[in-house]
C-alpha cells in the first residue's frame, strides 16, 4: 500500500555494491487502487522480464523488507504455481507474512514498534484484500515446498518476530520433507 523504488534505492544500491551485483527495483501497483494480487502479478512480470532478457535465474536473488518480504514469498509461490524457473535465493527482512497478526509478539513487542502495529495492519488488510480471506492470502499460509534458499532476518523486539520465526520453521520443514 506504500513504498516506491525511490524509497528503496539507497539500501538496494548498497546491497548491490557489496554483492557486486545490479539491482532492479520494479514499480508495482499498490492497494487500495490495485488490490491483491496486482502487486504479485507485477513483481512476477518484472522477474520474468529479467529472465526473458538474458539474466539467468541462478543469477537472481529476490529481496524485500516488511510487506516486501511477504511479497517475495508470494512471488515465489506464484512462480512455482506457474511452472517458471526460480531465482537462486530469496531474502525476507522483517517480513509481513501473516495478515491476521495473531502471534504473541504482536502484543508483547507492541511498545517497541514505531510504525508497524497490529491495529494498522488489521485496519489496512480490507483495503489490500477487499474480497478475500486474509489467512488464504498470507504468505505464511502458502506451501513452501520447492522454495529456493530463503534468508529471513528479524529483530527480537519487532512485532512480526514470531511470524518470521514461524516462516523460518515452515521453510525448514519444507526442505526436510
N, C-alpha and C. Protein backbone atom coordinates (compact mmCIF):
# COMPACT_ATOMS: atom_id res chain seq x y z
N UNK A 1 0.81 -1.19 0.00
CA UNK A 1 0.00 0.00 0.00
C UNK A 1 0.86 1.25 0.00
N UNK A 2 2.09 1.12 0.44
CA UNK A 2 3.01 2.26 0.46
C UNK A 2 4.35 1.81 -0.10
N UNK A 3 5.17 2.78 -0.40
CA UNK A 3 6.51 2.49 -0.87
C UNK A 3 6.66 2.74 -2.35
N UNK A 4 7.91 2.84 -2.75
CA UNK A 4 8.25 3.07 -4.15
C UNK A 4 9.71 2.70 -4.35
N UNK A 5 10.13 2.55 -5.59
CA UNK A 5 11.54 2.27 -5.83
C UNK A 5 12.45 3.36 -5.26
N UNK A 6 11.97 4.60 -5.25
CA UNK A 6 12.80 5.70 -4.74
C UNK A 6 13.12 5.52 -3.25
N UNK A 7 12.19 4.94 -2.50
CA UNK A 7 12.41 4.72 -1.07
C UNK A 7 13.47 3.64 -0.85
N UNK A 8 13.53 2.67 -1.75
CA UNK A 8 14.43 1.53 -1.56
C UNK A 8 15.75 1.67 -2.29
N UNK A 9 15.97 2.75 -3.02
CA UNK A 9 17.15 2.84 -3.87
C UNK A 9 18.45 2.82 -3.07
N UNK A 10 18.51 3.48 -1.94
CA UNK A 10 19.77 3.51 -1.18
C UNK A 10 20.14 2.13 -0.64
N UNK A 11 19.23 1.42 0.07
CA UNK A 11 19.63 0.08 0.52
C UNK A 11 19.89 -0.88 -0.64
N UNK A 12 19.14 -0.75 -1.73
CA UNK A 12 19.37 -1.64 -2.87
C UNK A 12 20.72 -1.36 -3.51
N UNK A 13 21.08 -0.09 -3.63
CA UNK A 13 22.38 0.26 -4.21
C UNK A 13 23.52 -0.24 -3.32
N UNK A 14 23.36 -0.08 -2.02
CA UNK A 14 24.39 -0.58 -1.09
C UNK A 14 24.52 -2.09 -1.19
N UNK A 15 23.39 -2.80 -1.18
CA UNK A 15 23.43 -4.27 -1.27
C UNK A 15 24.07 -4.70 -2.58
N UNK A 16 23.70 -4.03 -3.66
CA UNK A 16 24.30 -4.35 -4.96
C UNK A 16 25.79 -4.13 -4.98
N UNK A 17 26.24 -3.03 -4.38
CA UNK A 17 27.68 -2.73 -4.33
C UNK A 17 28.42 -3.82 -3.55
N UNK A 18 27.89 -4.18 -2.39
CA UNK A 18 28.53 -5.19 -1.54
C UNK A 18 28.57 -6.55 -2.24
N UNK A 19 27.49 -6.89 -2.96
CA UNK A 19 27.40 -8.19 -3.62
C UNK A 19 27.99 -8.18 -5.04
N UNK A 20 28.48 -7.02 -5.48
CA UNK A 20 28.99 -6.88 -6.86
C UNK A 20 27.90 -7.31 -7.84
N UNK A 21 26.72 -6.77 -7.64
CA UNK A 21 25.56 -7.13 -8.46
C UNK A 21 24.76 -5.88 -8.80
N UNK A 22 23.90 -6.01 -9.76
CA UNK A 22 22.98 -4.95 -10.11
C UNK A 22 21.65 -5.20 -9.40
N UNK A 23 20.89 -4.14 -9.20
CA UNK A 23 19.58 -4.26 -8.55
C UNK A 23 18.51 -3.70 -9.48
N UNK A 24 17.41 -4.40 -9.54
CA UNK A 24 16.24 -3.92 -10.26
C UNK A 24 15.16 -3.63 -9.23
N UNK A 25 14.65 -2.42 -9.24
CA UNK A 25 13.59 -2.01 -8.31
C UNK A 25 12.32 -1.75 -9.11
N UNK A 26 11.49 -2.77 -9.26
CA UNK A 26 10.28 -2.57 -10.07
C UNK A 26 9.25 -1.69 -9.37
N UNK A 27 8.55 -0.95 -10.16
CA UNK A 27 7.42 -0.16 -9.65
C UNK A 27 6.19 -1.01 -9.85
N UNK A 28 5.58 -1.47 -8.76
CA UNK A 28 4.37 -2.29 -8.89
C UNK A 28 3.17 -1.54 -8.34
N UNK A 29 2.00 -1.97 -8.81
CA UNK A 29 0.77 -1.31 -8.42
C UNK A 29 0.51 -1.51 -6.93
N UNK A 30 -0.09 -0.50 -6.32
CA UNK A 30 -0.34 -0.50 -4.89
C UNK A 30 -1.84 -0.53 -4.60
N UNK A 31 -2.17 -1.17 -3.49
CA UNK A 31 -3.55 -1.13 -2.98
C UNK A 31 -3.73 0.22 -2.29
N UNK A 32 -4.90 0.71 -2.13
CA UNK A 32 -6.18 0.06 -2.40
C UNK A 32 -6.65 0.20 -3.85
N UNK A 33 -6.02 1.08 -4.64
CA UNK A 33 -6.46 1.24 -6.02
C UNK A 33 -6.31 -0.06 -6.81
N UNK A 34 -5.29 -0.80 -6.46
CA UNK A 34 -4.99 -2.07 -7.14
C UNK A 34 -4.79 -3.14 -6.08
N UNK A 35 -5.87 -3.78 -5.63
CA UNK A 35 -5.75 -4.75 -4.53
C UNK A 35 -5.02 -6.02 -4.95
N UNK A 36 -4.69 -6.80 -3.95
CA UNK A 36 -4.07 -8.11 -4.14
C UNK A 36 -4.88 -8.90 -5.15
N UNK A 37 -4.25 -9.53 -6.11
CA UNK A 37 -2.83 -9.87 -6.27
C UNK A 37 -2.08 -8.99 -7.28
N UNK A 38 -2.53 -7.77 -7.53
CA UNK A 38 -1.90 -6.92 -8.55
C UNK A 38 -0.41 -6.78 -8.32
N UNK A 39 -0.01 -6.53 -7.08
CA UNK A 39 1.42 -6.34 -6.81
C UNK A 39 2.22 -7.61 -7.05
N UNK A 40 1.63 -8.76 -6.77
CA UNK A 40 2.31 -10.04 -7.03
C UNK A 40 2.47 -10.22 -8.54
N UNK A 41 1.42 -9.96 -9.28
CA UNK A 41 1.48 -10.09 -10.74
C UNK A 41 2.55 -9.17 -11.32
N UNK A 42 2.64 -7.95 -10.83
CA UNK A 42 3.64 -7.00 -11.34
C UNK A 42 5.06 -7.45 -11.00
N UNK A 43 5.26 -7.94 -9.80
CA UNK A 43 6.59 -8.40 -9.39
C UNK A 43 7.00 -9.66 -10.17
N UNK A 44 6.06 -10.55 -10.41
CA UNK A 44 6.34 -11.72 -11.24
C UNK A 44 6.72 -11.27 -12.65
N UNK A 45 5.97 -10.32 -13.20
CA UNK A 45 6.27 -9.81 -14.54
C UNK A 45 7.68 -9.20 -14.60
N UNK A 46 8.08 -8.49 -13.57
CA UNK A 46 9.43 -7.90 -13.54
C UNK A 46 10.50 -8.99 -13.51
N UNK A 47 10.28 -10.02 -12.71
CA UNK A 47 11.23 -11.14 -12.64
C UNK A 47 11.32 -11.84 -14.00
N UNK A 48 10.16 -12.13 -14.60
CA UNK A 48 10.16 -12.82 -15.89
C UNK A 48 10.80 -11.96 -16.98
N UNK A 49 10.65 -10.64 -16.89
CA UNK A 49 11.31 -9.74 -17.82
C UNK A 49 12.82 -9.91 -17.74
N UNK A 50 13.34 -9.98 -16.52
CA UNK A 50 14.78 -10.20 -16.35
C UNK A 50 15.23 -11.49 -17.04
N UNK A 51 14.47 -12.56 -16.80
CA UNK A 51 14.84 -13.86 -17.36
C UNK A 51 14.75 -13.82 -18.89
N UNK A 52 13.68 -13.25 -19.40
CA UNK A 52 13.48 -13.17 -20.86
C UNK A 52 14.53 -12.29 -21.53
N UNK A 53 15.15 -11.41 -20.78
CA UNK A 53 16.17 -10.51 -21.34
C UNK A 53 17.59 -10.95 -20.99
N UNK A 54 17.75 -12.24 -20.72
CA UNK A 54 19.08 -12.81 -20.64
C UNK A 54 19.68 -13.00 -19.26
N UNK A 55 18.98 -12.61 -18.21
CA UNK A 55 19.53 -12.85 -16.87
C UNK A 55 19.17 -14.28 -16.46
N UNK A 56 20.16 -15.10 -16.17
CA UNK A 56 19.83 -16.47 -15.77
C UNK A 56 19.18 -16.49 -14.38
N UNK A 57 18.18 -17.33 -14.16
CA UNK A 57 17.55 -17.41 -12.84
C UNK A 57 18.58 -17.62 -11.72
N UNK A 58 19.64 -18.37 -12.00
CA UNK A 58 20.67 -18.62 -10.99
C UNK A 58 21.42 -17.35 -10.61
N UNK A 59 21.23 -16.28 -11.36
CA UNK A 59 21.87 -15.00 -11.07
C UNK A 59 20.94 -14.01 -10.39
N UNK A 60 19.77 -14.47 -9.95
CA UNK A 60 18.78 -13.57 -9.36
C UNK A 60 18.52 -13.95 -7.90
N UNK A 61 18.49 -12.95 -7.06
CA UNK A 61 18.04 -13.09 -5.68
C UNK A 61 16.91 -12.08 -5.49
N UNK A 62 15.76 -12.57 -5.07
CA UNK A 62 14.64 -11.67 -4.76
C UNK A 62 14.79 -11.22 -3.32
N UNK A 63 14.54 -9.96 -3.05
CA UNK A 63 14.67 -9.45 -1.68
C UNK A 63 13.59 -8.41 -1.42
N UNK A 64 13.14 -8.38 -0.16
CA UNK A 64 12.16 -7.38 0.23
C UNK A 64 12.12 -7.24 1.74
N UNK A 65 11.63 -6.09 2.16
CA UNK A 65 11.54 -5.77 3.58
C UNK A 65 10.09 -5.48 3.94
N UNK A 66 9.66 -5.93 5.11
CA UNK A 66 8.32 -5.71 5.63
C UNK A 66 7.30 -6.32 4.68
N UNK A 67 6.37 -5.54 4.16
CA UNK A 67 5.40 -6.08 3.20
C UNK A 67 6.13 -6.63 1.97
N UNK A 68 7.27 -6.03 1.63
CA UNK A 68 8.07 -6.52 0.52
C UNK A 68 8.65 -7.90 0.80
N UNK A 69 8.94 -8.20 2.06
CA UNK A 69 9.40 -9.54 2.42
C UNK A 69 8.30 -10.57 2.21
N UNK A 70 7.08 -10.18 2.53
CA UNK A 70 5.95 -11.06 2.26
C UNK A 70 5.71 -11.19 0.76
N UNK A 71 5.91 -10.09 0.03
CA UNK A 71 5.74 -10.11 -1.42
C UNK A 71 6.73 -11.09 -2.06
N UNK A 72 7.95 -11.13 -1.56
CA UNK A 72 8.95 -12.07 -2.08
C UNK A 72 8.41 -13.49 -1.99
N UNK A 73 7.84 -13.84 -0.84
CA UNK A 73 7.28 -15.20 -0.67
C UNK A 73 6.12 -15.44 -1.61
N UNK A 74 5.25 -14.45 -1.77
CA UNK A 74 4.10 -14.59 -2.67
C UNK A 74 4.55 -14.73 -4.12
N UNK A 75 5.60 -14.02 -4.50
CA UNK A 75 6.12 -14.10 -5.87
C UNK A 75 6.69 -15.49 -6.12
N UNK A 76 7.44 -16.03 -5.19
CA UNK A 76 8.00 -17.37 -5.37
C UNK A 76 6.87 -18.39 -5.49
N UNK A 77 5.85 -18.26 -4.67
CA UNK A 77 4.70 -19.17 -4.78
C UNK A 77 4.06 -19.07 -6.16
N UNK A 78 3.90 -17.85 -6.66
CA UNK A 78 3.30 -17.65 -7.98
C UNK A 78 4.20 -18.24 -9.08
N UNK A 79 5.50 -18.08 -8.94
CA UNK A 79 6.43 -18.66 -9.92
C UNK A 79 6.32 -20.18 -9.91
N UNK A 80 6.27 -20.77 -8.73
CA UNK A 80 6.10 -22.23 -8.62
C UNK A 80 4.79 -22.67 -9.26
N UNK A 81 3.71 -21.97 -8.94
CA UNK A 81 2.40 -22.31 -9.49
C UNK A 81 2.38 -22.22 -11.01
N UNK A 82 3.13 -21.26 -11.55
CA UNK A 82 3.17 -21.06 -13.00
C UNK A 82 4.19 -21.92 -13.72
N UNK A 83 4.96 -22.72 -12.97
CA UNK A 83 5.98 -23.56 -13.58
C UNK A 83 7.17 -22.80 -14.13
N UNK A 84 7.41 -21.60 -13.59
CA UNK A 84 8.52 -20.77 -14.06
C UNK A 84 9.81 -21.14 -13.33
N UNK A 85 10.95 -20.83 -13.93
CA UNK A 85 12.22 -21.06 -13.24
C UNK A 85 12.31 -20.15 -12.01
N UNK A 86 12.94 -20.67 -10.99
CA UNK A 86 13.03 -19.94 -9.72
C UNK A 86 14.36 -19.20 -9.61
N UNK A 87 14.36 -18.12 -8.81
CA UNK A 87 15.62 -17.43 -8.55
C UNK A 87 16.54 -18.30 -7.71
N UNK A 88 17.79 -17.91 -7.63
CA UNK A 88 18.78 -18.67 -6.86
C UNK A 88 18.45 -18.68 -5.37
N UNK A 89 17.90 -17.58 -4.89
CA UNK A 89 17.63 -17.45 -3.46
C UNK A 89 16.67 -16.28 -3.25
N UNK A 90 16.25 -16.14 -1.99
CA UNK A 90 15.37 -15.02 -1.63
C UNK A 90 15.75 -14.53 -0.24
N UNK A 91 15.50 -13.25 -0.02
CA UNK A 91 15.77 -12.61 1.27
C UNK A 91 14.50 -11.90 1.72
N UNK A 92 14.08 -12.20 2.94
CA UNK A 92 12.90 -11.55 3.52
C UNK A 92 13.33 -10.90 4.83
N UNK A 93 13.39 -9.58 4.84
CA UNK A 93 13.82 -8.83 6.01
C UNK A 93 12.57 -8.33 6.73
N UNK A 94 12.44 -8.71 7.99
CA UNK A 94 11.27 -8.31 8.78
C UNK A 94 9.98 -8.51 7.98
N UNK A 95 9.77 -9.73 7.47
CA UNK A 95 8.67 -9.92 6.54
C UNK A 95 7.29 -9.91 7.20
N UNK A 96 6.38 -9.21 6.57
CA UNK A 96 4.98 -9.24 6.97
C UNK A 96 4.36 -10.42 6.23
N UNK A 97 4.11 -11.51 6.93
CA UNK A 97 3.68 -12.74 6.26
C UNK A 97 2.37 -13.32 6.80
N UNK A 98 1.81 -12.72 7.84
CA UNK A 98 0.54 -13.21 8.39
C UNK A 98 -0.37 -12.02 8.63
N UNK A 99 -1.41 -11.89 7.81
CA UNK A 99 -2.28 -10.73 7.87
C UNK A 99 -3.29 -10.77 9.02
N UNK A 100 -3.27 -11.83 9.81
CA UNK A 100 -4.16 -11.90 10.98
C UNK A 100 -3.49 -11.39 12.25
N UNK A 101 -2.18 -11.28 12.25
CA UNK A 101 -1.43 -10.69 13.37
C UNK A 101 -1.81 -11.32 14.71
N UNK A 102 -1.79 -12.63 14.79
CA UNK A 102 -2.26 -13.31 16.00
C UNK A 102 -1.15 -13.81 16.91
N UNK A 103 0.07 -13.91 16.44
CA UNK A 103 1.12 -14.47 17.29
C UNK A 103 1.50 -13.49 18.40
N UNK A 104 2.09 -14.02 19.44
CA UNK A 104 2.31 -13.28 20.69
C UNK A 104 3.13 -12.00 20.50
N UNK A 105 4.13 -12.01 19.63
CA UNK A 105 5.00 -10.83 19.52
C UNK A 105 4.26 -9.58 19.04
N UNK A 106 3.11 -9.74 18.39
CA UNK A 106 2.31 -8.57 18.02
C UNK A 106 1.86 -7.81 19.26
N UNK A 107 1.69 -8.52 20.37
CA UNK A 107 1.29 -7.87 21.63
C UNK A 107 2.50 -7.58 22.52
N UNK A 108 3.38 -8.57 22.67
CA UNK A 108 4.49 -8.41 23.61
C UNK A 108 5.50 -7.37 23.15
N UNK A 109 5.63 -7.15 21.86
CA UNK A 109 6.60 -6.19 21.35
C UNK A 109 5.96 -4.90 20.84
N UNK A 110 4.69 -4.73 21.09
CA UNK A 110 3.96 -3.55 20.57
C UNK A 110 4.58 -2.24 21.03
N UNK A 111 5.07 -2.18 22.24
CA UNK A 111 5.63 -0.93 22.76
C UNK A 111 6.95 -0.56 22.07
N UNK A 112 7.61 -1.54 21.44
CA UNK A 112 8.89 -1.31 20.78
C UNK A 112 8.75 -0.79 19.36
N UNK A 113 7.57 -0.94 18.79
CA UNK A 113 7.39 -0.67 17.36
C UNK A 113 6.96 0.77 17.13
N UNK A 114 7.57 1.40 16.15
CA UNK A 114 7.23 2.78 15.87
C UNK A 114 6.27 2.94 14.71
N UNK A 115 6.30 2.02 13.75
CA UNK A 115 5.49 2.20 12.54
C UNK A 115 4.46 1.09 12.36
N UNK A 116 4.92 -0.14 12.29
CA UNK A 116 4.01 -1.25 12.04
C UNK A 116 3.36 -1.68 13.35
N UNK A 117 2.06 -1.57 13.39
CA UNK A 117 1.31 -2.01 14.56
C UNK A 117 0.23 -2.99 14.11
N UNK A 118 -0.23 -3.77 15.05
CA UNK A 118 -1.31 -4.73 14.77
C UNK A 118 -2.54 -3.98 14.27
N UNK A 119 -2.89 -2.89 14.95
CA UNK A 119 -4.07 -2.13 14.55
C UNK A 119 -3.94 -1.58 13.13
N UNK A 120 -2.75 -1.09 12.78
CA UNK A 120 -2.53 -0.56 11.44
C UNK A 120 -2.69 -1.66 10.39
N UNK A 121 -2.09 -2.81 10.63
CA UNK A 121 -2.20 -3.91 9.67
C UNK A 121 -3.66 -4.35 9.53
N UNK A 122 -4.32 -4.57 10.67
CA UNK A 122 -5.71 -5.04 10.61
C UNK A 122 -6.64 -4.01 9.97
N UNK A 123 -6.34 -2.73 10.14
CA UNK A 123 -7.13 -1.68 9.51
C UNK A 123 -6.95 -1.68 7.99
N UNK A 124 -5.74 -1.99 7.54
CA UNK A 124 -5.44 -1.90 6.12
C UNK A 124 -5.67 -3.19 5.34
N UNK A 125 -5.76 -4.33 6.00
CA UNK A 125 -5.98 -5.58 5.28
C UNK A 125 -7.23 -5.53 4.40
N UNK A 126 -8.36 -5.00 4.86
CA UNK A 126 -9.53 -4.95 3.97
C UNK A 126 -9.32 -4.06 2.74
N UNK A 127 -8.43 -3.09 2.81
CA UNK A 127 -8.13 -2.25 1.65
C UNK A 127 -7.23 -2.99 0.67
N UNK A 128 -6.33 -3.77 1.21
CA UNK A 128 -5.38 -4.56 0.42
C UNK A 128 -6.07 -5.78 -0.20
N UNK A 129 -7.01 -6.33 0.54
CA UNK A 129 -7.66 -7.59 0.18
C UNK A 129 -9.17 -7.45 0.37
N UNK A 130 -9.82 -6.60 -0.43
CA UNK A 130 -11.20 -6.24 -0.15
C UNK A 130 -12.22 -7.38 -0.19
N UNK A 131 -11.96 -8.43 -0.97
CA UNK A 131 -12.94 -9.50 -1.09
C UNK A 131 -12.35 -10.86 -0.78
N UNK A 132 -11.25 -10.86 -0.07
CA UNK A 132 -10.58 -12.14 0.15
C UNK A 132 -10.41 -12.47 1.61
N UNK A 133 -9.87 -13.63 1.82
CA UNK A 133 -9.62 -14.16 3.16
C UNK A 133 -8.17 -13.84 3.54
N UNK A 134 -7.95 -13.05 4.60
CA UNK A 134 -6.57 -12.72 4.99
C UNK A 134 -5.70 -13.95 5.23
N UNK A 135 -6.26 -14.99 5.81
CA UNK A 135 -5.47 -16.19 6.06
C UNK A 135 -5.03 -16.84 4.76
N UNK A 136 -5.92 -16.89 3.77
CA UNK A 136 -5.59 -17.52 2.49
C UNK A 136 -4.53 -16.73 1.73
N UNK A 137 -4.52 -15.41 1.86
CA UNK A 137 -3.57 -14.58 1.14
C UNK A 137 -2.25 -14.39 1.89
N UNK A 138 -2.21 -14.76 3.17
CA UNK A 138 -0.99 -14.58 3.96
C UNK A 138 0.12 -15.49 3.44
N UNK A 139 1.28 -14.93 3.12
CA UNK A 139 2.38 -15.76 2.62
C UNK A 139 2.76 -16.90 3.56
N UNK A 140 2.58 -16.72 4.84
CA UNK A 140 2.92 -17.79 5.79
C UNK A 140 2.06 -19.03 5.56
N UNK A 141 0.89 -18.86 4.99
CA UNK A 141 0.00 -19.99 4.76
C UNK A 141 0.17 -20.62 3.38
N UNK A 142 1.15 -20.16 2.62
CA UNK A 142 1.45 -20.75 1.32
C UNK A 142 2.25 -22.04 1.53
N UNK A 143 2.24 -22.88 0.53
CA UNK A 143 3.07 -24.08 0.53
C UNK A 143 4.50 -23.66 0.19
N UNK A 144 5.44 -23.93 1.06
CA UNK A 144 6.82 -23.50 0.84
C UNK A 144 7.68 -24.59 0.19
N UNK A 145 7.07 -25.73 -0.13
CA UNK A 145 7.82 -26.81 -0.80
C UNK A 145 8.33 -26.30 -2.14
N UNK A 146 9.60 -26.54 -2.40
CA UNK A 146 10.19 -26.14 -3.67
C UNK A 146 10.79 -24.74 -3.66
N UNK A 147 10.67 -24.02 -2.55
CA UNK A 147 11.26 -22.68 -2.46
C UNK A 147 12.77 -22.77 -2.60
N UNK A 148 13.39 -21.74 -3.19
CA UNK A 148 14.84 -21.67 -3.18
C UNK A 148 15.31 -21.33 -1.76
N UNK A 149 16.62 -21.36 -1.52
CA UNK A 149 17.10 -20.95 -0.20
C UNK A 149 16.53 -19.59 0.19
N UNK A 150 16.11 -19.48 1.43
CA UNK A 150 15.42 -18.29 1.92
C UNK A 150 16.10 -17.78 3.19
N UNK A 151 16.64 -16.57 3.12
CA UNK A 151 17.23 -15.92 4.28
C UNK A 151 16.16 -15.03 4.90
N UNK A 152 15.87 -15.25 6.16
CA UNK A 152 14.87 -14.46 6.88
C UNK A 152 15.58 -13.76 8.02
N UNK A 153 15.43 -12.45 8.09
CA UNK A 153 16.03 -11.69 9.18
C UNK A 153 14.94 -10.90 9.89
N UNK A 154 15.01 -10.94 11.22
CA UNK A 154 14.05 -10.20 12.05
C UNK A 154 14.72 -9.92 13.39
N UNK A 155 14.35 -8.82 14.01
CA UNK A 155 14.90 -8.47 15.32
C UNK A 155 14.05 -9.02 16.45
N UNK A 156 14.69 -9.24 17.59
CA UNK A 156 14.00 -9.77 18.77
C UNK A 156 12.83 -8.90 19.24
N UNK A 157 12.91 -7.61 19.01
CA UNK A 157 11.92 -6.69 19.56
C UNK A 157 10.85 -6.24 18.56
N UNK A 158 10.82 -6.87 17.39
CA UNK A 158 9.83 -6.50 16.38
C UNK A 158 8.50 -7.20 16.63
N UNK A 159 7.42 -6.55 16.24
CA UNK A 159 6.10 -7.16 16.40
C UNK A 159 5.93 -8.38 15.51
N UNK A 160 6.61 -8.42 14.40
CA UNK A 160 6.48 -9.54 13.47
C UNK A 160 7.47 -10.67 13.75
N UNK A 161 8.19 -10.58 14.84
CA UNK A 161 9.20 -11.59 15.17
C UNK A 161 8.65 -13.01 15.10
N UNK A 162 7.54 -13.27 15.78
CA UNK A 162 7.02 -14.63 15.83
C UNK A 162 6.53 -15.12 14.48
N UNK A 163 6.02 -14.21 13.65
CA UNK A 163 5.60 -14.59 12.30
C UNK A 163 6.82 -14.98 11.46
N UNK A 164 7.90 -14.22 11.59
CA UNK A 164 9.12 -14.52 10.84
C UNK A 164 9.72 -15.85 11.29
N UNK A 165 9.67 -16.10 12.59
CA UNK A 165 10.17 -17.38 13.11
C UNK A 165 9.30 -18.53 12.59
N UNK A 166 7.99 -18.32 12.57
CA UNK A 166 7.09 -19.35 12.03
C UNK A 166 7.38 -19.62 10.55
N UNK A 167 7.68 -18.56 9.80
CA UNK A 167 8.04 -18.72 8.39
C UNK A 167 9.33 -19.54 8.26
N UNK A 168 10.32 -19.23 9.08
CA UNK A 168 11.59 -19.96 9.04
C UNK A 168 11.38 -21.44 9.39
N UNK A 169 10.57 -21.68 10.39
CA UNK A 169 10.29 -23.07 10.78
C UNK A 169 9.56 -23.82 9.67
N UNK A 170 8.61 -23.16 9.04
CA UNK A 170 7.86 -23.79 7.96
C UNK A 170 8.76 -24.04 6.75
N UNK A 171 9.63 -23.09 6.42
CA UNK A 171 10.56 -23.27 5.30
C UNK A 171 11.53 -24.41 5.59
N UNK A 172 12.01 -24.49 6.81
CA UNK A 172 12.92 -25.59 7.18
C UNK A 172 12.21 -26.92 7.09
N UNK A 173 10.98 -27.00 7.56
CA UNK A 173 10.23 -28.25 7.48
C UNK A 173 9.98 -28.65 6.03
N UNK A 174 9.75 -27.67 5.16
CA UNK A 174 9.51 -27.98 3.74
C UNK A 174 10.75 -28.56 3.09
N UNK A 175 11.92 -28.07 3.49
CA UNK A 175 13.17 -28.58 2.93
C UNK A 175 13.40 -30.01 3.41
N UNK A 176 13.06 -30.28 4.64
CA UNK A 176 13.30 -31.62 5.22
C UNK A 176 12.27 -32.66 4.79
N UNK A 177 11.14 -32.19 4.24
CA UNK A 177 10.06 -33.13 3.87
C UNK A 177 10.41 -33.91 2.62
